Amino acid sequence: MDREKLKSRILAEPEEFTSYLKELLELGRIEDDIALGISRFILSNGLSNLTDKQWYTFLEKGLIEYNYVEECERCLINLPWSEMSGAVYLYEDEYCSYCRHMEEKIKYS
C-alpha cells in the first residue's frame, strides 16, 4: 500500500473520509491506542495539523492494516469511503455496492 497515495486521497476527500473515520470510532475498529488518539485529534483539529510521524502512524496502525481497501475487487474503481465499512467488515468481500449487487443477482438467478 502506497501511504502517500492514501494520504493524498484522504486530503482530496476530507469530508467523506472524516465520516468514515467517525464510523470506525463508533464501531471500535481502531485498536492501536496511538492511532486511536490520532483519530480523535483529526476529528477535533482537522487533517492539516498532523505531523509526518502522526500521518505515518495513523495510516499504518489505523487504516492500512485492517480498515482500508483501495479499490473494488471486481471492477477495480476506488472504493468510496461511504462503502468502505461494508466492503471491509459487513460483507468482507472488498466489493463496491454495485458489484455486490451484481454478484447477488448472478448468484440467485
PDB file of N, CA and C in Angstrom:
ATOM      1  N   MET A   1       0.845  -1.182   0.000  1.00  0.00           N
ATOM      2  CA  MET A   1       0.000   0.000   0.000  1.00  0.00           C
ATOM      3  C   MET A   1       0.886   1.239   0.000  1.00  0.00           C
ATOM      4  N   ASP A   2       0.588   2.118  -0.886  1.00  0.00           N
ATOM      5  CA  ASP A   2       1.331   3.375  -1.000  1.00  0.00           C
ATOM      6  C   ASP A   2       0.727   4.402  -0.041  1.00  0.00           C
ATOM      7  N   ARG A   3       1.443   4.696   1.039  1.00  0.00           N
ATOM      8  CA  ARG A   3       0.947   5.638   2.048  1.00  0.00           C
ATOM      9  C   ARG A   3       0.711   7.028   1.485  1.00  0.00           C
ATOM     10  N   GLU A   4       1.598   7.499   0.622  1.00  0.00           N
ATOM     11  CA  GLU A   4       1.440   8.841   0.061  1.00  0.00           C
ATOM     12  C   GLU A   4       0.179   8.936  -0.807  1.00  0.00           C
ATOM     13  N   LYS A   5      -0.096   7.900  -1.543  1.00  0.00           N
ATOM     14  CA  LYS A   5      -1.310   7.869  -2.366  1.00  0.00           C
ATOM     15  C   LYS A   5      -2.559   7.895  -1.481  1.00  0.00           C
ATOM     16  N   LEU A   6      -2.536   7.126  -0.402  1.00  0.00           N
ATOM     17  CA  LEU A   6      -3.660   7.118   0.532  1.00  0.00           C
ATOM     18  C   LEU A   6      -3.807   8.478   1.205  1.00  0.00           C
ATOM     19  N   LYS A   7      -2.723   9.055   1.633  1.00  0.00           N
ATOM     20  CA  LYS A   7      -2.763  10.382   2.257  1.00  0.00           C
ATOM     21  C   LYS A   7      -3.348  11.408   1.291  1.00  0.00           C
ATOM     22  N   SER A   8      -2.929  11.360   0.042  1.00  0.00           N
ATOM     23  CA  SER A   8      -3.462  12.285  -0.975  1.00  0.00           C
ATOM     24  C   SER A   8      -4.949  12.098  -1.168  1.00  0.00           C
ATOM     25  N   ARG A   9      -5.379  10.853  -1.162  1.00  0.00           N
ATOM     26  CA  ARG A   9      -6.816  10.586  -1.316  1.00  0.00           C
ATOM     27  C   ARG A   9      -7.596  11.145  -0.133  1.00  0.00           C
ATOM     28  N   ILE A  10      -7.090  10.939   1.057  1.00  0.00           N
ATOM     29  CA  ILE A  10      -7.750  11.462   2.258  1.00  0.00           C
ATOM     30  C   ILE A  10      -7.850  12.982   2.194  1.00  0.00           C
ATOM     31  N   LEU A  11      -6.755  13.636   1.828  1.00  0.00           N
ATOM     32  CA  LEU A  11      -6.748  15.102   1.757  1.00  0.00           C
ATOM     33  C   LEU A  11      -7.643  15.630   0.637  1.00  0.00           C
ATOM     34  N   ALA A  12      -7.844  14.848  -0.413  1.00  0.00           N
ATOM     35  CA  ALA A  12      -8.709  15.262  -1.520  1.00  0.00           C
ATOM     36  C   ALA A  12     -10.186  15.064  -1.204  1.00  0.00           C
ATOM     37  N   GLU A  13     -10.484  14.192  -0.238  1.00  0.00           N
ATOM     38  CA  GLU A  13     -11.874  13.869   0.110  1.00  0.00           C
ATOM     39  C   GLU A  13     -12.068  13.962   1.631  1.00  0.00           C
ATOM     40  N   PRO A  14     -11.779  15.125   2.224  1.00  0.00           N
ATOM     41  CA  PRO A  14     -11.755  15.200   3.693  1.00  0.00           C
ATOM     42  C   PRO A  14     -13.107  14.953   4.370  1.00  0.00           C
ATOM     43  N   GLU A  15     -14.190  15.445   3.814  1.00  0.00           N
ATOM     44  CA  GLU A  15     -15.498  15.247   4.454  1.00  0.00           C
ATOM     45  C   GLU A  15     -15.902  13.784   4.424  1.00  0.00           C
ATOM     46  N   GLU A  16     -15.713  13.146   3.269  1.00  0.00           N
ATOM     47  CA  GLU A  16     -16.059  11.734   3.134  1.00  0.00           C
ATOM     48  C   GLU A  16     -15.203  10.886   4.068  1.00  0.00           C
ATOM     49  N   PHE A  17     -13.904  11.222   4.122  1.00  0.00           N
ATOM     50  CA  PHE A  17     -13.015  10.461   4.978  1.00  0.00           C
ATOM     51  C   PHE A  17     -13.369  10.627   6.451  1.00  0.00           C
ATOM     52  N   THR A  18     -13.614  11.857   6.901  1.00  0.00           N
ATOM     53  CA  THR A  18     -13.914  12.042   8.318  1.00  0.00           C
ATOM     54  C   THR A  18     -15.223  11.359   8.704  1.00  0.00           C
ATOM     55  N   SER A  19     -16.161  11.258   7.790  1.00  0.00           N
ATOM     56  CA  SER A  19     -17.384  10.493   8.065  1.00  0.00           C
ATOM     57  C   SER A  19     -17.046   9.022   8.289  1.00  0.00           C
ATOM     58  N   TYR A  20     -16.157   8.493   7.453  1.00  0.00           N
ATOM     59  CA  TYR A  20     -15.733   7.105   7.622  1.00  0.00           C
ATOM     60  C   TYR A  20     -14.958   6.935   8.928  1.00  0.00           C
ATOM     61  N   LEU A  21     -14.110   7.889   9.258  1.00  0.00           N
ATOM     62  CA  LEU A  21     -13.345   7.818  10.490  1.00  0.00           C
ATOM     63  C   LEU A  21     -14.276   7.817  11.702  1.00  0.00           C
ATOM     64  N   LYS A  22     -15.308   8.645  11.687  1.00  0.00           N
ATOM     65  CA  LYS A  22     -16.301   8.640  12.772  1.00  0.00           C
ATOM     66  C   LYS A  22     -16.943   7.268  12.900  1.00  0.00           C
ATOM     67  N   GLU A  23     -17.270   6.669  11.757  1.00  0.00           N
ATOM     68  CA  GLU A  23     -17.857   5.332  11.751  1.00  0.00           C
ATOM     69  C   GLU A  23     -16.899   4.309  12.364  1.00  0.00           C
ATOM     70  N   LEU A  24     -15.632   4.385  12.002  1.00  0.00           N
ATOM     71  CA  LEU A  24     -14.637   3.470  12.574  1.00  0.00           C
ATOM     72  C   LEU A  24     -14.575   3.609  14.091  1.00  0.00           C
ATOM     73  N   LEU A  25     -14.607   4.842  14.574  1.00  0.00           N
ATOM     74  CA  LEU A  25     -14.548   5.067  16.016  1.00  0.00           C
ATOM     75  C   LEU A  25     -15.803   4.553  16.706  1.00  0.00           C
ATOM     76  N   GLU A  26     -16.959   4.799  16.116  1.00  0.00           N
ATOM     77  CA  GLU A  26     -18.211   4.319  16.695  1.00  0.00           C
ATOM     78  C   GLU A  26     -18.251   2.796  16.779  1.00  0.00           C
ATOM     79  N   LEU A  27     -17.655   2.131  15.791  1.00  0.00           N
ATOM     80  CA  LEU A  27     -17.629   0.670  15.752  1.00  0.00           C
ATOM     81  C   LEU A  27     -16.469   0.073  16.546  1.00  0.00           C
ATOM     82  N   GLY A  28     -15.603   0.931  17.071  1.00  0.00           N
ATOM     83  CA  GLY A  28     -14.451   0.453  17.825  1.00  0.00           C
ATOM     84  C   GLY A  28     -13.440  -0.286  16.967  1.00  0.00           C
ATOM     85  N   ARG A  29     -13.269   0.156  15.720  1.00  0.00           N
ATOM     86  CA  ARG A  29     -12.421  -0.555  14.760  1.00  0.00           C
ATOM     87  C   ARG A  29     -10.959  -0.122  14.751  1.00  0.00           C
ATOM     88  N   ILE A  30     -10.632   0.928  15.475  1.00  0.00           N
ATOM     89  CA  ILE A  30      -9.219   1.322  15.553  1.00  0.00           C
ATOM     90  C   ILE A  30      -8.718   0.850  16.912  1.00  0.00           C
ATOM     91  N   GLU A  31      -7.893  -0.172  16.884  1.00  0.00           N
ATOM     92  CA  GLU A  31      -7.469  -0.843  18.112  1.00  0.00           C
ATOM     93  C   GLU A  31      -6.158  -0.311  18.679  1.00  0.00           C
ATOM     94  N   ASP A  32      -5.277   0.178  17.839  1.00  0.00           N
ATOM     95  CA  ASP A  32      -3.999   0.712  18.306  1.00  0.00           C
ATOM     96  C   ASP A  32      -4.248   2.010  19.067  1.00  0.00           C
ATOM     97  N   ASP A  33      -3.747   2.094  20.292  1.00  0.00           N
ATOM     98  CA  ASP A  33      -4.004   3.257  21.147  1.00  0.00           C
ATOM     99  C   ASP A  33      -3.494   4.569  20.560  1.00  0.00           C
ATOM    100  N   ILE A  34      -2.316   4.535  19.959  1.00  0.00           N
ATOM    101  CA  ILE A  34      -1.761   5.762  19.382  1.00  0.00           C
ATOM    102  C   ILE A  34      -2.587   6.190  18.173  1.00  0.00           C
ATOM    103  N   ALA A  35      -2.939   5.248  17.301  1.00  0.00           N
ATOM    104  CA  ALA A  35      -3.771   5.563  16.143  1.00  0.00           C
ATOM    105  C   ALA A  35      -5.151   6.050  16.579  1.00  0.00           C
ATOM    106  N   LEU A  36      -5.654   5.509  17.670  1.00  0.00           N
ATOM    107  CA  LEU A  36      -6.943   5.953  18.208  1.00  0.00           C
ATOM    108  C   LEU A  36      -6.860   7.409  18.663  1.00  0.00           C
ATOM    109  N   GLY A  37      -5.784   7.757  19.347  1.00  0.00           N
ATOM    110  CA  GLY A  37      -5.584   9.140  19.776  1.00  0.00           C
ATOM    111  C   GLY A  37      -5.455  10.082  18.591  1.00  0.00           C
ATOM    112  N   ILE A  38      -4.737   9.657  17.572  1.00  0.00           N
ATOM    113  CA  ILE A  38      -4.586  10.477  16.369  1.00  0.00           C
ATOM    114  C   ILE A  38      -5.935  10.639  15.674  1.00  0.00           C
ATOM    115  N   SER A  39      -6.734   9.593  15.665  1.00  0.00           N
ATOM    116  CA  SER A  39      -8.069   9.665  15.053  1.00  0.00           C
ATOM    117  C   SER A  39      -8.932  10.713  15.741  1.00  0.00           C
ATOM    118  N   ARG A  40      -8.900  10.707  17.050  1.00  0.00           N
ATOM    119  CA  ARG A  40      -9.668  11.702  17.807  1.00  0.00           C
ATOM    120  C   ARG A  40      -9.130  13.114  17.561  1.00  0.00           C
ATOM    121  N   PHE A  41      -7.818  13.221  17.465  1.00  0.00           N
ATOM    122  CA  PHE A  41      -7.186  14.506  17.158  1.00  0.00           C
ATOM    123  C   PHE A  41      -7.663  15.009  15.787  1.00  0.00           C
ATOM    124  N   ILE A  42      -7.709  14.129  14.800  1.00  0.00           N
ATOM    125  CA  ILE A  42      -8.158  14.504  13.452  1.00  0.00           C
ATOM    126  C   ILE A  42      -9.575  15.060  13.498  1.00  0.00           C
ATOM    127  N   LEU A  43     -10.464  14.373  14.221  1.00  0.00           N
ATOM    128  CA  LEU A  43     -11.856  14.823  14.278  1.00  0.00           C
ATOM    129  C   LEU A  43     -11.990  16.157  15.001  1.00  0.00           C
ATOM    130  N   SER A  44     -11.123  16.422  15.960  1.00  0.00           N
ATOM    131  CA  SER A  44     -11.180  17.685  16.701  1.00  0.00           C
ATOM    132  C   SER A  44     -10.449  18.828  16.012  1.00  0.00           C
ATOM    133  N   ASN A  45      -9.330  18.520  15.357  1.00  0.00           N
ATOM    134  CA  ASN A  45      -8.441  19.565  14.854  1.00  0.00           C
ATOM    135  C   ASN A  45      -8.231  19.573  13.345  1.00  0.00           C
ATOM    136  N   GLY A  46      -8.739  18.588  12.657  1.00  0.00           N
ATOM    137  CA  GLY A  46      -8.572  18.535  11.213  1.00  0.00           C
ATOM    138  C   GLY A  46      -7.338  17.773  10.782  1.00  0.00           C
ATOM    139  N   LEU A  47      -7.252  17.533   9.506  1.00  0.00           N
ATOM    140  CA  LEU A  47      -6.165  16.760   8.918  1.00  0.00           C
ATOM    141  C   LEU A  47      -4.892  17.571   8.721  1.00  0.00           C
ATOM    142  N   SER A  48      -5.016  18.855   8.520  1.00  0.00           N
ATOM    143  CA  SER A  48      -3.859  19.682   8.169  1.00  0.00           C
ATOM    144  C   SER A  48      -2.888  19.878   9.326  1.00  0.00           C
ATOM    145  N   ASN A  49      -3.313  19.535  10.532  1.00  0.00           N
ATOM    146  CA  ASN A  49      -2.456  19.738  11.700  1.00  0.00           C
ATOM    147  C   ASN A  49      -1.606  18.522  12.064  1.00  0.00           C
ATOM    148  N   LEU A  50      -1.670  17.462  11.284  1.00  0.00           N
ATOM    149  CA  LEU A  50      -0.891  16.260  11.587  1.00  0.00           C
ATOM    150  C   LEU A  50       0.561  16.411  11.159  1.00  0.00           C
ATOM    151  N   THR A  51       1.456  15.897  11.988  1.00  0.00           N
ATOM    152  CA  THR A  51       2.866  15.853  11.620  1.00  0.00           C
ATOM    153  C   THR A  51       3.090  14.644  10.704  1.00  0.00           C
ATOM    154  N   ASP A  52       4.241  14.584  10.074  1.00  0.00           N
ATOM    155  CA  ASP A  52       4.566  13.437   9.225  1.00  0.00           C
ATOM    156  C   ASP A  52       4.561  12.140  10.027  1.00  0.00           C
ATOM    157  N   LYS A  53       5.059  12.183  11.246  1.00  0.00           N
ATOM    158  CA  LYS A  53       5.081  10.996  12.106  1.00  0.00           C
ATOM    159  C   LYS A  53       3.658  10.552  12.462  1.00  0.00           C
ATOM    160  N   GLN A  54       2.783  11.511  12.744  1.00  0.00           N
ATOM    161  CA  GLN A  54       1.389  11.175  13.039  1.00  0.00           C
ATOM    162  C   GLN A  54       0.708  10.558  11.820  1.00  0.00           C
ATOM    163  N   TRP A  55       0.958  11.129  10.656  1.00  0.00           N
ATOM    164  CA  TRP A  55       0.398  10.559   9.425  1.00  0.00           C
ATOM    165  C   TRP A  55       0.844   9.110   9.264  1.00  0.00           C
ATOM    166  N   TYR A  56       2.139   8.892   9.420  1.00  0.00           N
ATOM    167  CA  TYR A  56       2.689   7.554   9.245  1.00  0.00           C
ATOM    168  C   TYR A  56       2.019   6.567  10.200  1.00  0.00           C
ATOM    169  N   THR A  57       1.974   6.911  11.470  1.00  0.00           N
ATOM    170  CA  THR A  57       1.380   6.035  12.483  1.00  0.00           C
ATOM    171  C   THR A  57      -0.097   5.804  12.214  1.00  0.00           C
ATOM    172  N   PHE A  58      -0.813   6.871  11.908  1.00  0.00           N
ATOM    173  CA  PHE A  58      -2.247   6.746  11.650  1.00  0.00           C
ATOM    174  C   PHE A  58      -2.526   5.844  10.453  1.00  0.00           C
ATOM    175  N   LEU A  59      -1.800   6.057   9.372  1.00  0.00           N
ATOM    176  CA  LEU A  59      -2.035   5.242   8.176  1.00  0.00           C
ATOM    177  C   LEU A  59      -1.648   3.790   8.415  1.00  0.00           C
ATOM    178  N   GLU A  60      -0.508   3.558   9.030  1.00  0.00           N
ATOM    179  CA  GLU A  60      -0.025   2.195   9.258  1.00  0.00           C
ATOM    180  C   GLU A  60      -0.852   1.437  10.288  1.00  0.00           C
ATOM    181  N   LYS A  61      -1.139   2.065  11.403  1.00  0.00           N
ATOM    182  CA  LYS A  61      -1.794   1.376  12.523  1.00  0.00           C
ATOM    183  C   LYS A  61      -3.300   1.579  12.585  1.00  0.00           C
ATOM    184  N   GLY A  62      -3.789   2.620  11.910  1.00  0.00           N
ATOM    185  CA  GLY A  62      -5.215   2.908  11.984  1.00  0.00           C
ATOM    186  C   GLY A  62      -5.995   2.517  10.750  1.00  0.00           C
ATOM    187  N   LEU A  63      -5.364   2.575   9.579  1.00  0.00           N
ATOM    188  CA  LEU A  63      -6.105   2.323   8.344  1.00  0.00           C
ATOM    189  C   LEU A  63      -5.614   1.123   7.546  1.00  0.00           C
ATOM    190  N   ILE A  64      -4.385   1.178   7.094  1.00  0.00           N
ATOM    191  CA  ILE A  64      -3.904   0.249   6.075  1.00  0.00           C
ATOM    192  C   ILE A  64      -4.104  -1.214   6.459  1.00  0.00           C
ATOM    193  N   GLU A  65      -3.739  -1.554   7.658  1.00  0.00           N
ATOM    194  CA  GLU A  65      -3.737  -2.971   8.010  1.00  0.00           C
ATOM    195  C   GLU A  65      -5.130  -3.595   8.050  1.00  0.00           C
ATOM    196  N   TYR A  66      -6.120  -2.904   8.618  1.00  0.00           N
ATOM    197  CA  TYR A  66      -7.434  -3.527   8.825  1.00  0.00           C
ATOM    198  C   TYR A  66      -8.636  -2.732   8.332  1.00  0.00           C
ATOM    199  N   ASN A  67      -8.472  -1.467   8.029  1.00  0.00           N
ATOM    200  CA  ASN A  67      -9.630  -0.605   7.818  1.00  0.00           C
ATOM    201  C   ASN A  67      -9.711   0.049   6.455  1.00  0.00           C
ATOM    202  N   TYR A  68      -8.967  -0.462   5.487  1.00  0.00           N
ATOM    203  CA  TYR A  68      -8.941   0.213   4.193  1.00  0.00           C
ATOM    204  C   TYR A  68      -8.765  -0.782   3.066  1.00  0.00           C
ATOM    205  N   VAL A  69      -9.562  -0.591   2.028  1.00  0.00           N
ATOM    206  CA  VAL A  69      -9.422  -1.318   0.769  1.00  0.00           C
ATOM    207  C   VAL A  69      -9.344  -0.253  -0.313  1.00  0.00           C
ATOM    208  N   GLU A  70      -8.293  -0.288  -1.091  1.00  0.00           N
ATOM    209  CA  GLU A  70      -8.090   0.768  -2.079  1.00  0.00           C
ATOM    210  C   GLU A  70      -9.139   0.759  -3.174  1.00  0.00           C
ATOM    211  N   GLU A  71      -9.389  -0.401  -3.729  1.00  0.00           N
ATOM    212  CA  GLU A  71     -10.312  -0.475  -4.867  1.00  0.00           C
ATOM    213  C   GLU A  71     -11.189  -1.712  -4.769  1.00  0.00           C
ATOM    214  N   CYS A  72     -12.301  -1.659  -5.479  1.00  0.00           N
ATOM    215  CA  CYS A  72     -13.228  -2.784  -5.540  1.00  0.00           C
ATOM    216  C   CYS A  72     -12.515  -3.975  -6.182  1.00  0.00           C
ATOM    217  N   GLU A  73     -12.659  -5.098  -5.574  1.00  0.00           N
ATOM    218  CA  GLU A  73     -12.012  -6.316  -6.054  1.00  0.00           C
ATOM    219  C   GLU A  73     -12.527  -6.744  -7.428  1.00  0.00           C
ATOM    220  N   ARG A  74     -13.736  -6.335  -7.765  1.00  0.00           N
ATOM    221  CA  ARG A  74     -14.366  -6.774  -9.018  1.00  0.00           C
ATOM    222  C   ARG A  74     -14.171  -5.784 -10.162  1.00  0.00           C
ATOM    223  N   CYS A  75     -14.477  -4.514  -9.932  1.00  0.00           N
ATOM    224  CA  CYS A  75     -14.440  -3.523 -11.021  1.00  0.00           C
ATOM    225  C   CYS A  75     -13.193  -2.636 -10.980  1.00  0.00           C
ATOM    226  N   LEU A  76     -12.440  -2.707  -9.894  1.00  0.00           N
ATOM    227  CA  LEU A  76     -11.162  -2.007  -9.740  1.00  0.00           C
ATOM    228  C   LEU A  76     -11.250  -0.486  -9.664  1.00  0.00           C
ATOM    229  N   ILE A  77     -12.426   0.060  -9.337  1.00  0.00           N
ATOM    230  CA  ILE A  77     -12.531   1.500  -9.095  1.00  0.00           C
ATOM    231  C   ILE A  77     -12.202   1.774  -7.624  1.00  0.00           C
ATOM    232  N   ASN A  78     -11.794   3.013  -7.321  1.00  0.00           N
ATOM    233  CA  ASN A  78     -11.583   3.375  -5.917  1.00  0.00           C
ATOM    234  C   ASN A  78     -12.862   3.143  -5.141  1.00  0.00           C
ATOM    235  N   LEU A  79     -12.748   2.439  -4.059  1.00  0.00           N
ATOM    236  CA  LEU A  79     -13.906   2.173  -3.218  1.00  0.00           C
ATOM    237  C   LEU A  79     -14.286   3.458  -2.487  1.00  0.00           C
ATOM    238  N   PRO A  80     -15.516   3.911  -2.605  1.00  0.00           N
ATOM    239  CA  PRO A  80     -15.922   5.139  -1.909  1.00  0.00           C
ATOM    240  C   PRO A  80     -15.821   4.967  -0.391  1.00  0.00           C
ATOM    241  N   TRP A  81     -15.477   6.029   0.292  1.00  0.00           N
ATOM    242  CA  TRP A  81     -15.397   5.965   1.755  1.00  0.00           C
ATOM    243  C   TRP A  81     -16.725   5.530   2.352  1.00  0.00           C
ATOM    244  N   SER A  82     -17.822   5.961   1.747  1.00  0.00           N
ATOM    245  CA  SER A  82     -19.143   5.622   2.280  1.00  0.00           C
ATOM    246  C   SER A  82     -19.453   4.131   2.189  1.00  0.00           C
ATOM    247  N   GLU A  83     -18.706   3.396   1.373  1.00  0.00           N
ATOM    248  CA  GLU A  83     -18.928   1.957   1.215  1.00  0.00           C
ATOM    249  C   GLU A  83     -17.818   1.119   1.839  1.00  0.00           C
ATOM    250  N   MET A  84     -16.866   1.782   2.461  1.00  0.00           N
ATOM    251  CA  MET A  84     -15.679   1.090   2.974  1.00  0.00           C
ATOM    252  C   MET A  84     -16.013   0.086   4.070  1.00  0.00           C
ATOM    253  N   SER A  85     -16.822   0.472   5.038  1.00  0.00           N
ATOM    254  CA  SER A  85     -17.093  -0.457   6.144  1.00  0.00           C
ATOM    255  C   SER A  85     -17.858  -1.683   5.666  1.00  0.00           C
ATOM    256  N   GLY A  86     -18.721  -1.530   4.676  1.00  0.00           N
ATOM    257  CA  GLY A  86     -19.410  -2.695   4.108  1.00  0.00           C
ATOM    258  C   GLY A  86     -18.442  -3.649   3.451  1.00  0.00           C
ATOM    259  N   ALA A  87     -17.521  -3.103   2.691  1.00  0.00           N
ATOM    260  CA  ALA A  87     -16.546  -3.931   1.968  1.00  0.00           C
ATOM    261  C   ALA A  87     -15.553  -4.596   2.912  1.00  0.00           C
ATOM    262  N   VAL A  88     -15.215  -3.905   3.998  1.00  0.00           N
ATOM    263  CA  VAL A  88     -14.192  -4.413   4.899  1.00  0.00           C
ATOM    264  C   VAL A  88     -14.788  -5.284   6.004  1.00  0.00           C
ATOM    265  N   TYR A  89     -15.921  -4.879   6.604  1.00  0.00           N
ATOM    266  CA  TYR A  89     -16.454  -5.573   7.778  1.00  0.00           C
ATOM    267  C   TYR A  89     -17.765  -6.281   7.556  1.00  0.00           C
ATOM    268  N   LEU A  90     -18.730  -5.564   7.044  1.00  0.00           N
ATOM    269  CA  LEU A  90     -20.071  -6.122   6.963  1.00  0.00           C
ATOM    270  C   LEU A  90     -20.126  -7.334   6.041  1.00  0.00           C
ATOM    271  N   TYR A  91     -19.634  -7.168   4.829  1.00  0.00           N
ATOM    272  CA  TYR A  91     -19.669  -8.262   3.851  1.00  0.00           C
ATOM    273  C   TYR A  91     -18.318  -8.955   3.684  1.00  0.00           C
ATOM    274  N   GLU A  92     -17.250  -8.257   4.060  1.00  0.00           N
ATOM    275  CA  GLU A  92     -15.881  -8.777   3.963  1.00  0.00           C
ATOM    276  C   GLU A  92     -15.555  -9.308   2.563  1.00  0.00           C
ATOM    277  N   ASP A  93     -16.018  -8.565   1.535  1.00  0.00           N
ATOM    278  CA  ASP A  93     -15.807  -9.024   0.159  1.00  0.00           C
ATOM    279  C   ASP A  93     -14.950  -8.076  -0.675  1.00  0.00           C
ATOM    280  N   GLU A  94     -14.672  -6.889  -0.154  1.00  0.00           N
ATOM    281  CA  GLU A  94     -13.903  -5.860  -0.846  1.00  0.00           C
ATOM    282  C   GLU A  94     -14.557  -5.430  -2.165  1.00  0.00           C
ATOM    283  N   TYR A  95     -15.899  -5.430  -2.197  1.00  0.00           N
ATOM    284  CA  TYR A  95     -16.664  -5.002  -3.366  1.00  0.00           C
ATOM    285  C   TYR A  95     -17.346  -3.666  -3.092  1.00  0.00           C
ATOM    286  N   CYS A  96     -17.521  -2.880  -4.159  1.00  0.00           N
ATOM    287  CA  CYS A  96     -18.377  -1.702  -4.062  1.00  0.00           C
ATOM    288  C   CYS A  96     -19.828  -2.204  -4.046  1.00  0.00           C
ATOM    289  N   SER A  97     -20.750  -1.328  -3.714  1.00  0.00           N
ATOM    290  CA  SER A  97     -22.145  -1.765  -3.595  1.00  0.00           C
ATOM    291  C   SER A  97     -22.719  -2.239  -4.931  1.00  0.00           C
ATOM    292  N   TYR A  98     -22.313  -1.607  -6.028  1.00  0.00           N
ATOM    293  CA  TYR A  98     -22.811  -2.034  -7.336  1.00  0.00           C
ATOM    294  C   TYR A  98     -22.350  -3.457  -7.663  1.00  0.00           C
ATOM    295  N   CYS A  99     -21.081  -3.723  -7.482  1.00  0.00           N
ATOM    296  CA  CYS A  99     -20.563  -5.063  -7.785  1.00  0.00           C
ATOM    297  C   CYS A  99     -21.150  -6.113  -6.849  1.00  0.00           C
ATOM    298  N   ARG A 100     -21.365  -5.751  -5.594  1.00  0.00           N
ATOM    299  CA  ARG A 100     -22.001  -6.672  -4.658  1.00  0.00           C
ATOM    300  C   ARG A 100     -23.410  -7.002  -5.138  1.00  0.00           C
ATOM    301  N   HIS A 101     -24.127  -5.988  -5.579  1.00  0.00           N
ATOM    302  CA  HIS A 101     -25.474  -6.190  -6.119  1.00  0.00           C
ATOM    303  C   HIS A 101     -25.437  -7.110  -7.343  1.00  0.00           C
ATOM    304  N   MET A 102     -24.491  -6.861  -8.243  1.00  0.00           N
ATOM    305  CA  MET A 102     -24.387  -7.690  -9.448  1.00  0.00           C
ATOM    306  C   MET A 102     -24.030  -9.147  -9.095  1.00  0.00           C
ATOM    307  N   GLU A 103     -23.157  -9.333  -8.148  1.00  0.00           N
ATOM    308  CA  GLU A 103     -22.799 -10.687  -7.718  1.00  0.00           C
ATOM    309  C   GLU A 103     -24.000 -11.401  -7.107  1.00  0.00           C
ATOM    310  N   GLU A 104     -24.799 -10.663  -6.350  1.00  0.00           N
ATOM    311  CA  GLU A 104     -26.011 -11.242  -5.766  1.00  0.00           C
ATOM    312  C   GLU A 104     -26.992 -11.661  -6.859  1.00  0.00           C
ATOM    313  N   LYS A 105     -27.135 -10.810  -7.863  1.00  0.00           N
ATOM    314  CA  LYS A 105     -28.032 -11.139  -8.982  1.00  0.00           C
ATOM    315  C   LYS A 105     -27.567 -12.418  -9.682  1.00  0.00           C
ATOM    316  N   ILE A 106     -26.289 -12.511  -9.926  1.00  0.00           N
ATOM    317  CA  ILE A 106     -25.736 -13.696 -10.602  1.00  0.00           C
ATOM    318  C   ILE A 106     -25.919 -14.938  -9.728  1.00  0.00           C
ATOM    319  N   LYS A 107     -25.663 -14.786  -8.455  1.00  0.00           N
ATOM    320  CA  LYS A 107     -25.721 -15.904  -7.517  1.00  0.00           C
ATOM    321  C   LYS A 107     -27.136 -16.468  -7.402  1.00  0.00           C
ATOM    322  N   TYR A 108     -28.128 -15.595  -7.417  1.00  0.00           N
ATOM    323  CA  TYR A 108     -29.504 -16.025  -7.184  1.00  0.00           C
ATOM    324  C   TYR A 108     -30.371 -16.064  -8.433  1.00  0.00           C
ATOM    325  N   SER A 109     -29.767 -16.009  -9.598  1.00  0.00           N
ATOM    326  CA  SER A 109     -30.583 -16.077 -10.822  1.00  0.00           C
ATOM    327  C   SER A 109     -30.555 -17.464 -11.413  1.00  0.00           C
TER     328      SER A 109
END
